[in-house]
C-alpha atoms as a PDB file:
ATOM      1  CA  UNK A   1     -18.828  -4.228  17.487  1.00  0.00           C
ATOM      2  CA  UNK A   2     -19.327  -6.581  20.684  1.00  0.00           C
ATOM      3  CA  UNK A   3     -16.714  -9.225  21.363  1.00  0.00           C
ATOM      4  CA  UNK A   4     -18.120 -12.144  20.066  1.00  0.00           C
ATOM      5  CA  UNK A   5     -19.272 -10.562  16.871  1.00  0.00           C
ATOM      6  CA  UNK A   6     -15.852  -8.960  16.436  1.00  0.00           C
ATOM      7  CA  UNK A   7     -14.392 -12.513  16.356  1.00  0.00           C
ATOM      8  CA  UNK A   8     -16.737 -14.085  14.498  1.00  0.00           C
ATOM      9  CA  UNK A   9     -16.584 -11.245  11.528  1.00  0.00           C
ATOM     10  CA  UNK A  10     -12.621 -11.324  11.924  1.00  0.00           C
ATOM     11  CA  UNK A  11     -12.500 -15.319  11.292  1.00  0.00           C
ATOM     12  CA  UNK A  12     -12.640 -14.877   8.034  1.00  0.00           C
ATOM     13  CA  UNK A  13     -10.306 -11.869   7.773  1.00  0.00           C
ATOM     14  CA  UNK A  14      -8.042 -14.393   9.294  1.00  0.00           C
ATOM     15  CA  UNK A  15      -8.350 -17.748   7.207  1.00  0.00           C
ATOM     16  CA  UNK A  16      -7.818 -15.742   3.646  1.00  0.00           C
ATOM     17  CA  UNK A  17      -4.958 -14.131   6.015  1.00  0.00           C
ATOM     18  CA  UNK A  18      -3.871 -17.370   6.758  1.00  0.00           C
ATOM     19  CA  UNK A  19      -4.075 -18.458   3.174  1.00  0.00           C
ATOM     20  CA  UNK A  20      -2.132 -15.448   1.746  1.00  0.00           C
ATOM     21  CA  UNK A  21       0.665 -15.942   4.055  1.00  0.00           C
ATOM     22  CA  UNK A  22       1.212 -19.542   2.939  1.00  0.00           C
ATOM     23  CA  UNK A  23       1.699 -18.511  -0.373  1.00  0.00           C
ATOM     24  CA  UNK A  24       3.951 -15.482   0.305  1.00  0.00           C
ATOM     25  CA  UNK A  25       5.946 -17.796   2.742  1.00  0.00           C
ATOM     26  CA  UNK A  26       6.279 -20.592  -0.105  1.00  0.00           C
ATOM     27  CA  UNK A  27       7.180 -18.202  -2.786  1.00  0.00           C
ATOM     28  CA  UNK A  28       9.719 -16.249  -0.386  1.00  0.00           C
ATOM     29  CA  UNK A  29      11.371 -19.526   0.591  1.00  0.00           C
ATOM     30  CA  UNK A  30      11.846 -20.513  -3.029  1.00  0.00           C
ATOM     31  CA  UNK A  31      13.543 -17.638  -3.767  1.00  0.00           C
ATOM     32  CA  UNK A  32      15.698 -17.824  -0.958  1.00  0.00           C
ATOM     33  CA  UNK A  33      16.683 -21.457  -1.140  1.00  0.00           C
ATOM     34  CA  UNK A  34      17.626 -20.850  -4.754  1.00  0.00           C
ATOM     35  CA  UNK A  35      19.735 -17.775  -3.825  1.00  0.00           C
ATOM     36  CA  UNK A  36      21.304 -19.583  -0.547  1.00  0.00           C
ATOM     37  CA  UNK A  37      21.766 -22.873  -2.237  1.00  0.00           C
ATOM     38  CA  UNK A  38      21.656 -22.202  -5.801  1.00  0.00           C
ATOM     39  CA  UNK A  39      19.105 -25.370  -6.171  1.00  0.00           C
ATOM     40  CA  UNK A  40      15.826 -24.775  -7.663  1.00  0.00           C
ATOM     41  CA  UNK A  41      14.007 -27.308  -5.362  1.00  0.00           C
ATOM     42  CA  UNK A  42      14.495 -27.712  -1.641  1.00  0.00           C
ATOM     43  CA  UNK A  43      15.273 -31.515  -0.588  1.00  0.00           C
ATOM     44  CA  UNK A  44      12.267 -33.062   1.073  1.00  0.00           C
ATOM     45  CA  UNK A  45      12.659 -34.983   4.276  1.00  0.00           C
ATOM     46  CA  UNK A  46      12.838 -38.345   2.619  1.00  0.00           C
ATOM     47  CA  UNK A  47      15.462 -37.283  -0.512  1.00  0.00           C
ATOM     48  CA  UNK A  48      17.626 -40.240  -0.627  1.00  0.00           C
ATOM     49  CA  UNK A  49      20.396 -37.987  -2.038  1.00  0.00           C
ATOM     50  CA  UNK A  50      20.325 -34.958   0.332  1.00  0.00           C
ATOM     51  CA  UNK A  51      22.280 -34.970   3.879  1.00  0.00           C
ATOM     52  CA  UNK A  52      21.054 -34.652   6.993  1.00  0.00           C
ATOM     53  CA  UNK A  53      22.787 -31.098   7.417  1.00  0.00           C
ATOM     54  CA  UNK A  54      20.919 -29.922   3.774  1.00  0.00           C
ATOM     55  CA  UNK A  55      17.737 -31.202   5.212  1.00  0.00           C
ATOM     56  CA  UNK A  56      17.342 -29.837   8.287  1.00  0.00           C
ATOM     57  CA  UNK A  57      18.762 -26.442   7.073  1.00  0.00           C
ATOM     58  CA  UNK A  58      15.901 -26.296   4.603  1.00  0.00           C
ATOM     59  CA  UNK A  59      13.492 -27.388   7.005  1.00  0.00           C
ATOM     60  CA  UNK A  60      14.560 -24.808   9.388  1.00  0.00           C
ATOM     61  CA  UNK A  61      14.856 -21.951   6.527  1.00  0.00           C
ATOM     62  CA  UNK A  62      11.208 -22.773   5.612  1.00  0.00           C
ATOM     63  CA  UNK A  63      10.070 -22.585   9.400  1.00  0.00           C
ATOM     64  CA  UNK A  64      11.239 -18.988  10.400  1.00  0.00           C
ATOM     65  CA  UNK A  65      10.124 -17.980   6.680  1.00  0.00           C
ATOM     66  CA  UNK A  66       6.817 -19.301   7.676  1.00  0.00           C
ATOM     67  CA  UNK A  67       6.213 -17.898  10.696  1.00  0.00           C
ATOM     68  CA  UNK A  68       7.599 -14.694  10.166  1.00  0.00           C
ATOM     69  CA  UNK A  69       5.403 -14.213   7.386  1.00  0.00           C
ATOM     70  CA  UNK A  70       2.588 -15.753   9.028  1.00  0.00           C
ATOM     71  CA  UNK A  71       3.140 -13.561  12.064  1.00  0.00           C
ATOM     72  CA  UNK A  72       3.469 -10.208   9.703  1.00  0.00           C
ATOM     73  CA  UNK A  73       0.496 -10.700   8.128  1.00  0.00           C
ATOM     74  CA  UNK A  74      -1.680 -11.641  11.426  1.00  0.00           C
ATOM     75  CA  UNK A  75      -0.329  -8.622  12.930  1.00  0.00           C
ATOM     76  CA  UNK A  76      -1.467  -6.724  10.004  1.00  0.00           C
ATOM     77  CA  UNK A  77      -4.600  -7.518   9.941  1.00  0.00           C
ATOM     78  CA  UNK A  78      -5.567  -7.138  13.176  1.00  0.00           C
ATOM     79  CA  UNK A  79      -4.307  -3.526  12.858  1.00  0.00           C
ATOM     80  CA  UNK A  80      -6.303  -3.122   9.559  1.00  0.00           C
ATOM     81  CA  UNK A  81      -9.369  -4.487  11.575  1.00  0.00           C
ATOM     82  CA  UNK A  82      -8.896  -2.119  14.780  1.00  0.00           C
ATOM     83  CA  UNK A  83      -8.799   0.476  11.839  1.00  0.00           C
ATOM     84  CA  UNK A  84     -11.778  -0.474  10.785  1.00  0.00           C
ATOM     85  CA  UNK A  85     -14.306  -1.437  13.808  1.00  0.00           C
ATOM     86  CA  UNK A  86     -11.796   0.385  16.294  1.00  0.00           C
ATOM     87  CA  UNK A  87     -11.533  -2.881  18.542  1.00  0.00           C
ATOM     88  CA  UNK A  88      -8.737  -5.190  18.195  1.00  0.00           C
ATOM     89  CA  UNK A  89      -9.704  -8.931  17.232  1.00  0.00           C
ATOM     90  CA  UNK A  90      -8.971 -11.254  19.791  1.00  0.00           C
END
């Protein structure tokens, strides 16, 4: 598969993987936040009843979880494409 064709072929795969990664990360964050904070709902930045520490901790945890899940899913997708096509997607 040529480089341009490989990029075009991987675009829809990457898009679907990104959507899946977001869903997985959201689910994981809710479970981890519930276990860590004992609260079903993570605070929003504009939640007047929550303190700075809680809001920033929730945002940091959510960012870390999303980044790790997205990287793992993207990497797995690239490995799968290489196994199918013999070339690493760019």
